[in-house]
């Protein structure tokens, strides 16, 4: 997938017709997971070059949709995706962005702990994001199953940026809770449709994703992180060292994502005037061309 291009005019018309003035319940009407976005039913998601996008760059944005974090998906629909595409086109840190959205929950208690759109380059990504189910679940187990996003990216996506150009895409998970360390064997089977001999640890999940993506996590100031920031950050640093960002204002999510892409892609000048200070210190001081793998 990934045909077409983002158009400001198309977005303005769509937003006026279908987004502005609508409540979260009106924006997201699903009452269950659509089989089209069920990772267990998905063989492979692909980001491929096309006449519209001959030099494609895959970007995955996976947001926590448990509890109050449903506001992250709402932020992406109302502002975030338009701002992300607009800044990427204006500042061009990467070429021909293809965006995938993920909704992340808790594999221990949710019915839909992961939902996954296609890679898209136009308004279809907004339409698909709105079809995801904001289950609003989560449990009292001090964490969410963000590693499902890493496993899916590592095992169920393919992209021409890597296969043709040996160039990584980008994967951002976003939420306010600690990361549950890895994915158990039964969760791999039930949620992902993967028959494995054993479960996957958090570090193994990140390693899988890192084969094709620059991987980051953005901690937002939700109700959990506001009370337990040290605990949240420690859980993430254990599996994703020096790739954890802290964002106080969710309205700046798109700006944070684009600034990070700029810095990793060797375009720090514009990002320095934006949100470069949000990046972990090791990322700010390393030479970008030699940024190491995890």
Protein backbone atom coordinates (compact mmCIF):
# COMPACT_ATOMS: atom_id res chain seq x y z
CA UNK A 1 0.00 0.00 0.00
CA UNK A 2 1.04 3.64 0.01
CA UNK A 3 -0.35 5.13 -3.20
CA UNK A 4 -1.41 8.76 -3.51
CA UNK A 5 -0.05 11.83 -1.73
CA UNK A 6 -1.12 13.97 1.20
CA UNK A 7 -3.02 17.07 0.08
CA UNK A 8 -3.73 20.07 2.32
CA UNK A 9 -6.82 20.85 0.26
CA UNK A 10 -8.16 17.31 0.58
CA UNK A 11 -7.49 17.36 4.33
CA UNK A 12 -9.28 20.67 4.84
CA UNK A 13 -12.34 19.44 2.97
CA UNK A 14 -12.36 16.10 4.82
CA UNK A 15 -11.82 17.70 8.23
CA UNK A 16 -14.59 20.23 7.69
CA UNK A 17 -16.96 17.45 6.66
CA UNK A 18 -15.99 14.64 9.04
CA UNK A 19 -13.67 15.79 11.86
CA UNK A 20 -14.14 19.31 13.18
CA UNK A 21 -16.72 19.68 15.93
CA UNK A 22 -17.12 15.95 16.46
CA UNK A 23 -16.73 14.16 19.78
CA UNK A 24 -14.38 11.23 20.28
CA UNK A 25 -17.35 8.90 20.12
CA UNK A 26 -18.37 10.37 16.78
CA UNK A 27 -14.83 10.19 15.40
CA UNK A 28 -14.38 6.56 16.46
CA UNK A 29 -17.60 4.63 16.00
CA UNK A 30 -16.32 1.03 16.09
CA UNK A 31 -17.78 -1.26 18.76
CA UNK A 32 -15.34 -4.08 18.13
CA UNK A 33 -12.19 -4.86 16.19
CA UNK A 34 -12.55 -4.85 12.40
CA UNK A 35 -11.03 -8.09 11.04
CA UNK A 36 -9.12 -5.99 8.48
CA UNK A 37 -7.01 -4.58 11.32
CA UNK A 38 -6.62 -7.79 13.34
CA UNK A 39 -2.89 -8.69 13.40
CA UNK A 40 -3.69 -12.39 13.72
CA UNK A 41 -5.45 -12.23 10.33
CA UNK A 42 -2.76 -10.15 8.63
CA UNK A 43 -0.09 -11.98 6.68
CA UNK A 44 2.16 -9.02 5.89
CA UNK A 45 1.84 -5.24 5.76
CA UNK A 46 3.93 -3.69 2.99
CA UNK A 47 5.31 -0.25 2.20
CA UNK A 48 6.22 -0.30 -1.48
CA UNK A 49 7.53 2.28 -3.92
CA UNK A 50 5.08 3.51 -6.55
CA UNK A 51 4.81 6.14 -9.25
CA UNK A 52 3.38 8.50 -6.63
CA UNK A 53 6.02 7.60 -4.05
CA UNK A 54 9.16 6.26 -5.76
CA UNK A 55 11.41 6.61 -2.67
CA UNK A 56 9.10 5.52 0.13
CA UNK A 57 9.85 5.80 3.86
CA UNK A 58 7.69 3.78 6.29
CA UNK A 59 6.71 5.47 9.55
CA UNK A 60 4.74 3.56 12.20
CA UNK A 61 2.93 5.43 14.98
CA UNK A 62 1.54 3.14 17.67
CA UNK A 63 -0.56 4.79 20.36
CA UNK A 64 -1.86 3.50 23.68
CA UNK A 65 -5.68 3.52 23.56
CA UNK A 66 -6.37 2.28 27.10
CA UNK A 67 -8.21 4.49 29.58
CA UNK A 68 -7.52 8.19 29.16
CA UNK A 69 -4.94 7.49 26.45
CA UNK A 70 -7.72 7.31 23.88
CA UNK A 71 -7.00 11.02 23.54
CA UNK A 72 -3.82 10.11 21.60
CA UNK A 73 -5.78 8.54 18.75
CA UNK A 74 -8.11 11.53 18.83
CA UNK A 75 -5.12 13.89 18.66
CA UNK A 76 -3.83 12.06 15.58
CA UNK A 77 -7.17 12.36 13.80
CA UNK A 78 -7.93 15.97 14.71
CA UNK A 79 -4.43 17.41 14.22
CA UNK A 80 -1.55 14.99 14.42
CA UNK A 81 -1.59 13.17 11.08
CA UNK A 82 -2.15 16.34 9.08
CA UNK A 83 0.63 18.11 10.99
CA UNK A 84 2.97 15.13 10.59
CA UNK A 85 2.50 14.90 6.82
CA UNK A 86 2.63 18.69 6.40
CA UNK A 87 5.90 19.05 8.32
CA UNK A 88 7.45 16.05 6.59
CA UNK A 89 6.61 17.51 3.19
CA UNK A 90 7.76 21.02 4.11
CA UNK A 91 10.98 20.05 5.88
CA UNK A 92 11.76 16.85 3.93
CA UNK A 93 13.92 14.97 6.43
CA UNK A 94 12.85 11.81 4.57
CA UNK A 95 11.23 11.14 1.23
CA UNK A 96 7.73 9.92 0.39
CA UNK A 97 6.37 9.09 3.87
CA UNK A 98 4.08 6.08 4.25
CA UNK A 99 2.35 6.11 7.65
CA UNK A 100 0.87 3.16 9.54
CA UNK A 101 -1.20 3.65 12.70
CA UNK A 102 -1.46 1.13 15.52
CA UNK A 103 -3.80 0.99 18.52
CA UNK A 104 -2.11 -0.64 21.51
CA UNK A 105 -3.69 -2.17 24.61
CA UNK A 106 -3.02 -4.92 27.15
CA UNK A 107 -2.54 -8.49 25.90
CA UNK A 108 -3.40 -9.89 29.34
CA UNK A 109 -6.92 -8.54 29.52
CA UNK A 110 -8.02 -6.70 26.36
CA UNK A 111 -9.95 -8.26 23.50
CA UNK A 112 -8.05 -6.18 20.93
CA UNK A 113 -4.60 -5.43 22.36
CA UNK A 114 -3.24 -4.54 18.91
CA UNK A 115 -4.89 -3.16 15.77
CA UNK A 116 -2.94 -2.23 12.65
CA UNK A 117 -3.81 -0.11 9.60
CA UNK A 118 -2.17 -0.31 6.20
CA UNK A 119 0.77 1.92 5.26
CA UNK A 120 -0.81 4.94 3.57
CA UNK A 121 0.38 8.20 2.02
CA UNK A 122 -2.91 10.10 1.83
CA UNK A 123 -6.24 10.58 3.63
CA UNK A 124 -6.82 6.84 3.74
CA UNK A 125 -4.66 6.69 6.87
CA UNK A 126 -7.10 8.99 8.71
CA UNK A 127 -10.08 6.99 7.51
CA UNK A 128 -8.49 3.73 8.64
CA UNK A 129 -7.42 5.16 12.00
CA UNK A 130 -11.03 6.19 12.64
CA UNK A 131 -12.11 2.59 12.02
CA UNK A 132 -9.97 1.28 14.88
CA UNK A 133 -11.74 0.31 18.09
CA UNK A 134 -10.88 2.44 21.11
CA UNK A 135 -11.48 -0.40 23.54
CA UNK A 136 -10.40 1.69 26.51
CA UNK A 137 -9.41 -1.38 28.50
CA UNK A 138 -6.10 -2.08 30.14
CA UNK A 139 -5.67 -3.80 33.49
CA UNK A 140 -4.22 -3.13 36.90
CA UNK A 141 -0.92 -4.78 36.01
CA UNK A 142 1.24 -1.64 35.80
CA UNK A 143 1.87 -1.66 32.08
CA UNK A 144 0.65 -2.07 28.53
CA UNK A 145 1.68 -4.44 25.73
CA UNK A 146 3.67 -1.99 23.62
CA UNK A 147 6.00 -4.82 22.59
CA UNK A 148 3.24 -6.16 20.35
CA UNK A 149 4.01 -3.21 18.07
CA UNK A 150 7.68 -4.15 17.95
CA UNK A 151 6.94 -7.79 17.17
CA UNK A 152 4.48 -6.87 14.42
CA UNK A 153 6.94 -4.44 12.84
CA UNK A 154 9.71 -7.02 12.96
CA UNK A 155 7.79 -10.06 11.74
CA UNK A 156 4.79 -8.80 9.77
CA UNK A 157 6.00 -5.78 7.79
CA UNK A 158 8.19 -5.45 4.71
CA UNK A 159 9.33 -2.26 3.02
CA UNK A 160 11.28 -1.16 -0.03
CA UNK A 161 13.31 1.38 1.95
CA UNK A 162 15.17 -1.54 3.53
CA UNK A 163 14.97 -4.11 0.75
CA UNK A 164 16.06 -1.75 -2.04
CA UNK A 165 18.07 0.92 -0.21
CA UNK A 166 19.15 -0.65 3.12
CA UNK A 167 17.49 2.26 4.89
CA UNK A 168 15.45 1.94 8.06
CA UNK A 169 11.97 3.29 8.57
CA UNK A 170 10.75 4.73 11.86
CA UNK A 171 8.66 3.22 14.66
CA UNK A 172 7.23 5.35 17.47
CA UNK A 173 5.18 3.93 20.31
CA UNK A 174 3.38 6.49 22.47
CA UNK A 175 1.79 6.17 25.91
CA UNK A 176 1.97 6.91 29.63
CA UNK A 177 2.51 3.47 31.23
CA UNK A 178 5.45 1.12 31.77
CA UNK A 179 6.11 -1.40 29.03
CA UNK A 180 5.16 -4.99 29.84
CA UNK A 181 8.40 -6.85 29.19
CA UNK A 182 7.85 -8.88 26.05
CA UNK A 183 5.09 -11.05 24.63
CA UNK A 184 4.22 -14.50 25.99
CA UNK A 185 3.89 -17.53 23.74
CA UNK A 186 0.10 -17.76 24.04
CA UNK A 187 -0.19 -14.03 23.31
CA UNK A 188 1.87 -14.44 20.14
CA UNK A 189 -0.58 -17.12 19.02
CA UNK A 190 -3.80 -15.42 20.10
CA UNK A 191 -3.01 -11.80 19.22
CA UNK A 192 -0.50 -12.13 16.40
CA UNK A 193 -1.34 -15.49 14.82
CA UNK A 194 2.27 -16.59 15.33
CA UNK A 195 2.99 -20.16 16.47
CA UNK A 196 6.23 -19.80 18.41
CA UNK A 197 8.15 -22.23 20.58
CA UNK A 198 8.50 -19.64 23.34
CA UNK A 199 7.68 -16.07 24.18
CA UNK A 200 9.73 -13.02 23.21
CA UNK A 201 11.38 -10.71 25.74
CA UNK A 202 11.14 -6.95 25.47
CA UNK A 203 14.72 -6.58 24.29
CA UNK A 204 14.18 -9.33 21.71
CA UNK A 205 11.04 -7.58 20.46
CA UNK A 206 12.94 -4.31 20.07
CA UNK A 207 15.75 -6.14 18.28
CA UNK A 208 13.25 -7.61 15.81
CA UNK A 209 11.83 -4.17 15.04
CA UNK A 210 15.27 -2.57 14.88
CA UNK A 211 16.21 -4.75 11.91
CA UNK A 212 14.00 -2.51 9.78
CA UNK A 213 13.21 0.59 11.84
CA UNK A 214 14.69 3.29 14.03
CA UNK A 215 12.72 2.59 17.21
CA UNK A 216 11.61 5.18 19.79
CA UNK A 217 9.11 5.48 22.61
CA UNK A 218 7.42 8.74 23.62
CA UNK A 219 6.19 8.95 27.22
CA UNK A 220 3.28 11.36 27.47
CA UNK A 221 2.09 12.95 30.70
CA UNK A 222 -1.02 10.89 31.28
CA UNK A 223 -2.45 10.11 34.68
CA UNK A 224 -0.08 7.17 35.27
CA UNK A 225 3.18 8.78 34.17
CA UNK A 226 2.41 11.97 36.07
CA UNK A 227 2.55 9.96 39.31
CA UNK A 228 5.14 7.34 38.36
CA UNK A 229 7.52 8.86 35.80
CA UNK A 230 10.63 7.22 37.24
CA UNK A 231 9.02 3.78 37.08
CA UNK A 232 7.74 4.30 33.53
CA UNK A 233 11.09 5.54 32.24
CA UNK A 234 13.03 2.75 33.96
CA UNK A 235 10.89 0.07 32.33
CA UNK A 236 11.54 1.55 28.91
CA UNK A 237 15.24 2.22 29.37
CA UNK A 238 15.67 -1.46 30.24
CA UNK A 239 14.63 -2.54 26.73
CA UNK A 240 15.13 0.62 24.63
CA UNK A 241 18.12 2.46 26.11
CA UNK A 242 18.68 6.06 25.03
CA UNK A 243 15.63 6.05 22.74
CA UNK A 244 12.99 7.27 25.22
CA UNK A 245 11.47 10.75 24.94
CA UNK A 246 9.23 12.63 27.37
CA UNK A 247 6.40 14.76 25.99
CA UNK A 248 4.36 16.93 28.35
CA UNK A 249 1.93 18.29 25.77
CA UNK A 250 0.26 15.68 23.51
CA UNK A 251 -0.66 18.46 21.07
CA UNK A 252 3.04 18.54 20.14
CA UNK A 253 3.17 14.84 19.23
CA UNK A 254 3.56 15.44 15.49
CA UNK A 255 6.29 18.01 16.06
CA UNK A 256 8.16 15.61 18.33
CA UNK A 257 7.98 12.80 15.78
CA UNK A 258 9.20 14.98 12.91
CA UNK A 259 11.98 16.57 14.98
CA UNK A 260 13.24 13.10 15.92
CA UNK A 261 13.16 11.95 12.29
CA UNK A 262 15.11 15.07 11.31
CA UNK A 263 17.82 14.43 13.85
CA UNK A 264 18.23 10.75 13.04
CA UNK A 265 18.23 11.52 9.31
CA UNK A 266 21.06 14.02 9.70
CA UNK A 267 18.93 17.17 9.47
CA UNK A 268 19.39 18.70 12.94
CA UNK A 269 19.34 22.37 11.93
CA UNK A 270 15.57 22.72 11.69
CA UNK A 271 14.90 20.36 14.57
CA UNK A 272 17.24 22.31 16.83
CA UNK A 273 14.85 25.23 16.64
CA UNK A 274 11.96 22.92 17.51
CA UNK A 275 11.98 20.01 19.92
CA UNK A 276 15.55 18.71 19.81
CA UNK A 277 15.86 19.32 23.55
CA UNK A 278 13.24 16.61 24.15
CA UNK A 279 15.63 13.96 22.85
CA UNK A 280 17.72 11.93 25.28
CA UNK A 281 21.16 13.46 25.79
CA UNK A 282 23.03 10.63 23.97
CA UNK A 283 20.98 11.26 20.82
CA UNK A 284 21.67 14.99 20.96
CA UNK A 285 25.43 14.59 21.19
CA UNK A 286 26.11 11.68 18.83
CA UNK A 287 27.12 12.36 15.21
CA UNK A 288 23.96 11.58 13.25
CA UNK A 289 25.62 9.75 10.39
CA UNK A 290 27.04 7.25 12.86
CA UNK A 291 24.04 6.79 15.11
CA UNK A 292 24.39 3.27 16.42
CA UNK A 293 21.95 0.41 16.39
CA UNK A 294 20.37 -0.78 19.57
